[in-house]
Each structure stands twice: as C-alpha cells, then as structure tokens.
Amino acid sequence: MDAEEFGSPIFVKRAPYIVQEIASLADAIDFLSDWPEDQRDLIHQTALQACYDAEDGHKPLSAAHHAFIDFARQVAILEDPISAMQWIAACKKRRA
C-alpha cells in the first residue's frame, strides 16, 4: 500500500448518478480543489488544510482521512461503502 493511500476508501456522490472513490490523499486533494468556489466554507477549508498538512508530514494521514469524511458528511455527499461497492459491481456487470 502506498504511504499516501487511505486504509479504506471513501465514496462520495459527485452527481446524482456518479459515485467517486477517494482512495488516497492525492484523490482527496484533487476532489477538494475541484469543489465549486461558491460552495467552499470553513469545513472545506479545514479538510483541505488537513490534507495539505498530511502531505507535508505535519499531520498523520488518518487526520486527513477523517477530515475528508467529516467534510463529505457535512455537505451530504458521503456514500455508504457497501452500497457504493455493490452499485459499482452492478455497473461493471452490465458493461460485460
């Protein structure tokens, strides 16, 4: 496992029918950096700063992981991992 990979992925709803897996610190930073500027608030800023701090070695990776989960929960985009995995598997099965 890469040192910057989360121990367990986080699944977030990117759009009504799009679920995105956030598996690493880089994924989290990219997601937060792409977040619409007009929707950024203190919880967003806190999560992004926690990710940058973890990237710089000032905070443990777990702090960034938890901050991202708190952000996703606060903005109501956090998806249940089991449901997300079942949905992804069903999509892959339909493509095959």
N, C-alpha and C. Protein backbone atom coordinates (compact mmCIF):
# COMPACT_ATOMS: atom_id res chain seq x y z
N MET A 1 0.85 -1.18 0.00
CA MET A 1 0.00 0.00 0.00
C MET A 1 0.89 1.24 0.00
N ASP A 2 0.56 2.17 -0.85
CA ASP A 2 1.27 3.45 -0.93
C ASP A 2 1.11 4.17 0.39
N ALA A 3 2.15 4.88 0.81
CA ALA A 3 2.12 5.59 2.09
C ALA A 3 1.02 6.64 2.14
N GLU A 4 0.58 7.12 0.98
CA GLU A 4 -0.45 8.15 0.96
C GLU A 4 -1.83 7.60 0.61
N GLU A 5 -1.98 6.29 0.58
CA GLU A 5 -3.29 5.69 0.34
C GLU A 5 -4.03 5.56 1.66
N PHE A 6 -5.32 5.83 1.62
CA PHE A 6 -6.15 5.66 2.81
C PHE A 6 -6.33 4.18 3.07
N GLY A 7 -6.44 3.80 4.33
CA GLY A 7 -6.64 2.41 4.69
C GLY A 7 -7.94 1.85 4.13
N SER A 8 -8.95 2.69 4.07
CA SER A 8 -10.22 2.30 3.45
C SER A 8 -10.70 3.47 2.59
N PRO A 9 -11.16 3.16 1.39
CA PRO A 9 -11.59 4.24 0.51
C PRO A 9 -12.85 4.92 1.03
N ILE A 10 -13.03 6.15 0.58
CA ILE A 10 -14.22 6.94 0.90
C ILE A 10 -14.99 7.09 -0.41
N PHE A 11 -16.28 6.89 -0.36
CA PHE A 11 -17.10 7.04 -1.55
C PHE A 11 -17.98 8.26 -1.39
N VAL A 12 -17.97 9.11 -2.42
CA VAL A 12 -18.76 10.33 -2.39
C VAL A 12 -19.60 10.43 -3.65
N LYS A 13 -20.74 11.08 -3.50
CA LYS A 13 -21.62 11.31 -4.63
C LYS A 13 -21.14 12.57 -5.35
N ARG A 14 -20.70 12.42 -6.58
CA ARG A 14 -20.18 13.54 -7.36
C ARG A 14 -21.31 14.24 -8.12
N ALA A 15 -22.32 13.48 -8.48
CA ALA A 15 -23.50 13.96 -9.20
C ALA A 15 -24.61 12.95 -8.90
N PRO A 16 -25.84 13.22 -9.34
CA PRO A 16 -26.93 12.30 -8.98
C PRO A 16 -26.66 10.82 -9.23
N TYR A 17 -26.00 10.48 -10.31
CA TYR A 17 -25.75 9.06 -10.60
C TYR A 17 -24.26 8.75 -10.75
N ILE A 18 -23.43 9.56 -10.13
CA ILE A 18 -21.98 9.34 -10.22
C ILE A 18 -21.41 9.27 -8.80
N VAL A 19 -20.81 8.12 -8.49
CA VAL A 19 -20.15 7.92 -7.21
C VAL A 19 -18.65 7.85 -7.49
N GLN A 20 -17.88 8.58 -6.72
CA GLN A 20 -16.43 8.62 -6.90
C GLN A 20 -15.74 8.02 -5.69
N GLU A 21 -14.72 7.24 -5.95
CA GLU A 21 -13.92 6.65 -4.89
C GLU A 21 -12.73 7.58 -4.58
N ILE A 22 -12.57 7.88 -3.32
CA ILE A 22 -11.43 8.66 -2.85
C ILE A 22 -10.56 7.68 -2.07
N ALA A 23 -9.48 7.23 -2.71
CA ALA A 23 -8.66 6.17 -2.13
C ALA A 23 -7.34 6.66 -1.57
N SER A 24 -7.00 7.91 -1.84
CA SER A 24 -5.68 8.39 -1.42
C SER A 24 -5.74 9.87 -1.07
N LEU A 25 -4.66 10.32 -0.49
CA LEU A 25 -4.52 11.72 -0.15
C LEU A 25 -4.60 12.58 -1.42
N ALA A 26 -3.96 12.14 -2.49
CA ALA A 26 -4.00 12.88 -3.76
C ALA A 26 -5.43 12.99 -4.29
N ASP A 27 -6.20 11.89 -4.18
CA ASP A 27 -7.61 11.92 -4.61
C ASP A 27 -8.39 12.96 -3.81
N ALA A 28 -8.16 12.98 -2.50
CA ALA A 28 -8.87 13.92 -1.62
C ALA A 28 -8.52 15.36 -1.96
N ILE A 29 -7.24 15.63 -2.16
CA ILE A 29 -6.81 16.99 -2.51
C ILE A 29 -7.40 17.41 -3.84
N ASP A 30 -7.36 16.53 -4.83
CA ASP A 30 -7.95 16.84 -6.14
C ASP A 30 -9.44 17.15 -6.02
N PHE A 31 -10.15 16.31 -5.27
CA PHE A 31 -11.59 16.50 -5.11
C PHE A 31 -11.88 17.84 -4.44
N LEU A 32 -11.19 18.12 -3.36
CA LEU A 32 -11.42 19.36 -2.62
C LEU A 32 -11.00 20.58 -3.44
N SER A 33 -9.95 20.46 -4.23
CA SER A 33 -9.50 21.56 -5.07
C SER A 33 -10.49 21.86 -6.19
N ASP A 34 -11.20 20.83 -6.64
CA ASP A 34 -12.20 21.00 -7.70
C ASP A 34 -13.56 21.43 -7.18
N TRP A 35 -13.72 21.47 -5.86
CA TRP A 35 -15.01 21.83 -5.26
C TRP A 35 -15.37 23.26 -5.68
N PRO A 36 -16.62 23.50 -6.06
CA PRO A 36 -17.01 24.85 -6.52
C PRO A 36 -16.69 25.93 -5.48
N GLU A 37 -16.07 26.98 -5.96
CA GLU A 37 -15.64 28.06 -5.06
C GLU A 37 -16.78 28.68 -4.28
N ASP A 38 -17.95 28.78 -4.89
CA ASP A 38 -19.08 29.39 -4.21
C ASP A 38 -19.68 28.50 -3.12
N GLN A 39 -19.20 27.24 -3.03
CA GLN A 39 -19.69 26.31 -2.01
C GLN A 39 -18.63 26.01 -0.95
N ARG A 40 -17.50 26.66 -1.06
CA ARG A 40 -16.43 26.43 -0.09
C ARG A 40 -16.73 27.19 1.19
N ASP A 41 -16.47 26.52 2.31
CA ASP A 41 -16.73 27.11 3.61
C ASP A 41 -15.64 26.65 4.58
N LEU A 42 -15.87 26.86 5.85
CA LEU A 42 -14.86 26.51 6.85
C LEU A 42 -14.58 25.01 6.89
N ILE A 43 -15.60 24.18 6.76
CA ILE A 43 -15.38 22.73 6.79
C ILE A 43 -14.55 22.29 5.58
N HIS A 44 -14.79 22.90 4.43
CA HIS A 44 -13.99 22.62 3.24
C HIS A 44 -12.55 23.05 3.47
N GLN A 45 -12.36 24.25 3.96
CA GLN A 45 -11.02 24.79 4.21
C GLN A 45 -10.27 23.91 5.22
N THR A 46 -10.97 23.47 6.25
CA THR A 46 -10.36 22.62 7.28
C THR A 46 -9.91 21.28 6.69
N ALA A 47 -10.77 20.68 5.87
CA ALA A 47 -10.43 19.39 5.25
C ALA A 47 -9.25 19.54 4.30
N LEU A 48 -9.27 20.57 3.49
CA LEU A 48 -8.18 20.78 2.54
C LEU A 48 -6.86 21.04 3.28
N GLN A 49 -6.91 21.84 4.34
CA GLN A 49 -5.70 22.12 5.11
C GLN A 49 -5.18 20.85 5.78
N ALA A 50 -6.08 20.02 6.29
CA ALA A 50 -5.66 18.75 6.90
C ALA A 50 -4.96 17.86 5.87
N CYS A 51 -5.46 17.87 4.64
CA CYS A 51 -4.84 17.08 3.58
C CYS A 51 -3.45 17.63 3.25
N TYR A 52 -3.34 18.95 3.12
CA TYR A 52 -2.03 19.56 2.86
C TYR A 52 -1.05 19.29 4.00
N ASP A 53 -1.55 19.37 5.23
CA ASP A 53 -0.69 19.11 6.39
C ASP A 53 -0.20 17.66 6.40
N ALA A 54 -1.07 16.73 6.02
CA ALA A 54 -0.68 15.32 5.94
C ALA A 54 0.33 15.11 4.81
N GLU A 55 0.11 15.79 3.72
CA GLU A 55 1.03 15.69 2.58
C GLU A 55 2.43 16.19 2.96
N ASP A 56 2.47 17.23 3.77
CA ASP A 56 3.74 17.80 4.22
C ASP A 56 4.35 17.06 5.41
N GLY A 57 3.62 16.09 5.96
CA GLY A 57 4.12 15.32 7.10
C GLY A 57 3.87 15.97 8.45
N HIS A 58 3.05 17.03 8.47
CA HIS A 58 2.76 17.72 9.73
C HIS A 58 1.61 17.09 10.51
N LYS A 59 0.80 16.30 9.83
CA LYS A 59 -0.31 15.59 10.47
C LYS A 59 -0.31 14.16 9.94
N PRO A 60 -0.87 13.24 10.71
CA PRO A 60 -0.95 11.86 10.21
C PRO A 60 -2.00 11.75 9.10
N LEU A 61 -1.81 10.77 8.25
CA LEU A 61 -2.74 10.52 7.15
C LEU A 61 -4.17 10.31 7.67
N SER A 62 -4.29 9.71 8.84
CA SER A 62 -5.62 9.47 9.41
C SER A 62 -6.37 10.77 9.68
N ALA A 63 -5.65 11.84 10.02
CA ALA A 63 -6.30 13.14 10.26
C ALA A 63 -6.93 13.66 8.98
N ALA A 64 -6.22 13.51 7.86
CA ALA A 64 -6.77 13.93 6.56
C ALA A 64 -7.97 13.07 6.18
N HIS A 65 -7.86 11.78 6.42
CA HIS A 65 -8.94 10.84 6.12
C HIS A 65 -10.21 11.23 6.88
N HIS A 66 -10.06 11.47 8.16
CA HIS A 66 -11.21 11.84 9.00
C HIS A 66 -11.76 13.21 8.62
N ALA A 67 -10.88 14.15 8.29
CA ALA A 67 -11.33 15.49 7.90
C ALA A 67 -12.12 15.43 6.60
N PHE A 68 -11.67 14.58 5.67
CA PHE A 68 -12.40 14.45 4.40
C PHE A 68 -13.78 13.81 4.65
N ILE A 69 -13.82 12.80 5.49
CA ILE A 69 -15.11 12.16 5.82
C ILE A 69 -16.05 13.18 6.46
N ASP A 70 -15.54 13.97 7.39
CA ASP A 70 -16.37 15.00 8.04
C ASP A 70 -16.90 15.99 7.01
N PHE A 71 -16.04 16.41 6.08
CA PHE A 71 -16.46 17.32 5.01
C PHE A 71 -17.59 16.68 4.18
N ALA A 72 -17.36 15.44 3.73
CA ALA A 72 -18.34 14.76 2.88
C ALA A 72 -19.67 14.56 3.61
N ARG A 73 -19.60 14.25 4.89
CA ARG A 73 -20.82 14.08 5.68
C ARG A 73 -21.55 15.42 5.81
N GLN A 74 -20.80 16.48 6.08
CA GLN A 74 -21.38 17.82 6.28
C GLN A 74 -22.10 18.32 5.02
N VAL A 75 -21.53 18.05 3.85
CA VAL A 75 -22.15 18.53 2.60
C VAL A 75 -23.07 17.47 1.98
N ALA A 76 -23.32 16.40 2.72
CA ALA A 76 -24.27 15.34 2.35
C ALA A 76 -23.93 14.65 1.03
N ILE A 77 -22.63 14.32 0.85
CA ILE A 77 -22.23 13.57 -0.34
C ILE A 77 -21.59 12.23 0.02
N LEU A 78 -21.49 11.94 1.31
CA LEU A 78 -20.87 10.69 1.75
C LEU A 78 -21.78 9.52 1.42
N GLU A 79 -21.21 8.52 0.77
CA GLU A 79 -21.95 7.32 0.40
C GLU A 79 -21.52 6.14 1.27
N ASP A 80 -22.45 5.27 1.56
CA ASP A 80 -22.15 4.05 2.31
C ASP A 80 -21.23 3.18 1.46
N PRO A 81 -20.08 2.75 1.98
CA PRO A 81 -19.12 1.97 1.18
C PRO A 81 -19.70 0.68 0.62
N ILE A 82 -20.50 -0.02 1.39
CA ILE A 82 -21.06 -1.29 0.92
C ILE A 82 -22.03 -1.05 -0.23
N SER A 83 -22.89 -0.07 -0.10
CA SER A 83 -23.82 0.26 -1.18
C SER A 83 -23.07 0.72 -2.43
N ALA A 84 -22.05 1.53 -2.23
CA ALA A 84 -21.27 2.03 -3.37
C ALA A 84 -20.58 0.89 -4.09
N MET A 85 -19.99 -0.05 -3.35
CA MET A 85 -19.31 -1.18 -3.97
C MET A 85 -20.29 -2.06 -4.74
N GLN A 86 -21.48 -2.27 -4.18
CA GLN A 86 -22.50 -3.07 -4.88
C GLN A 86 -22.95 -2.37 -6.16
N TRP A 87 -23.11 -1.05 -6.10
CA TRP A 87 -23.53 -0.27 -7.26
C TRP A 87 -22.46 -0.32 -8.34
N ILE A 88 -21.19 -0.18 -7.96
CA ILE A 88 -20.08 -0.23 -8.91
C ILE A 88 -20.00 -1.61 -9.55
N ALA A 89 -20.15 -2.65 -8.76
CA ALA A 89 -20.12 -4.02 -9.29
C ALA A 89 -21.26 -4.25 -10.27
N ALA A 90 -22.44 -3.74 -9.96
CA ALA A 90 -23.59 -3.91 -10.86
C ALA A 90 -23.35 -3.18 -12.18
N CYS A 91 -22.75 -2.00 -12.13
CA CYS A 91 -22.44 -1.24 -13.35
C CYS A 91 -21.43 -2.00 -14.21
N LYS A 92 -20.42 -2.56 -13.58
CA LYS A 92 -19.41 -3.31 -14.31
C LYS A 92 -20.03 -4.56 -14.94
N LYS A 93 -20.94 -5.18 -14.23
CA LYS A 93 -21.58 -6.40 -14.72
C LYS A 93 -22.43 -6.10 -15.96
N ARG A 94 -23.12 -4.96 -15.95
CA ARG A 94 -23.95 -4.56 -17.09
C ARG A 94 -23.10 -4.27 -18.32
N ARG A 95 -21.88 -3.78 -18.11
CA ARG A 95 -20.99 -3.46 -19.24
C ARG A 95 -20.42 -4.71 -19.89
N ALA A 96 -20.28 -5.77 -19.11
CA ALA A 96 -19.65 -7.00 -19.61
C ALA A 96 -20.56 -7.79 -20.54
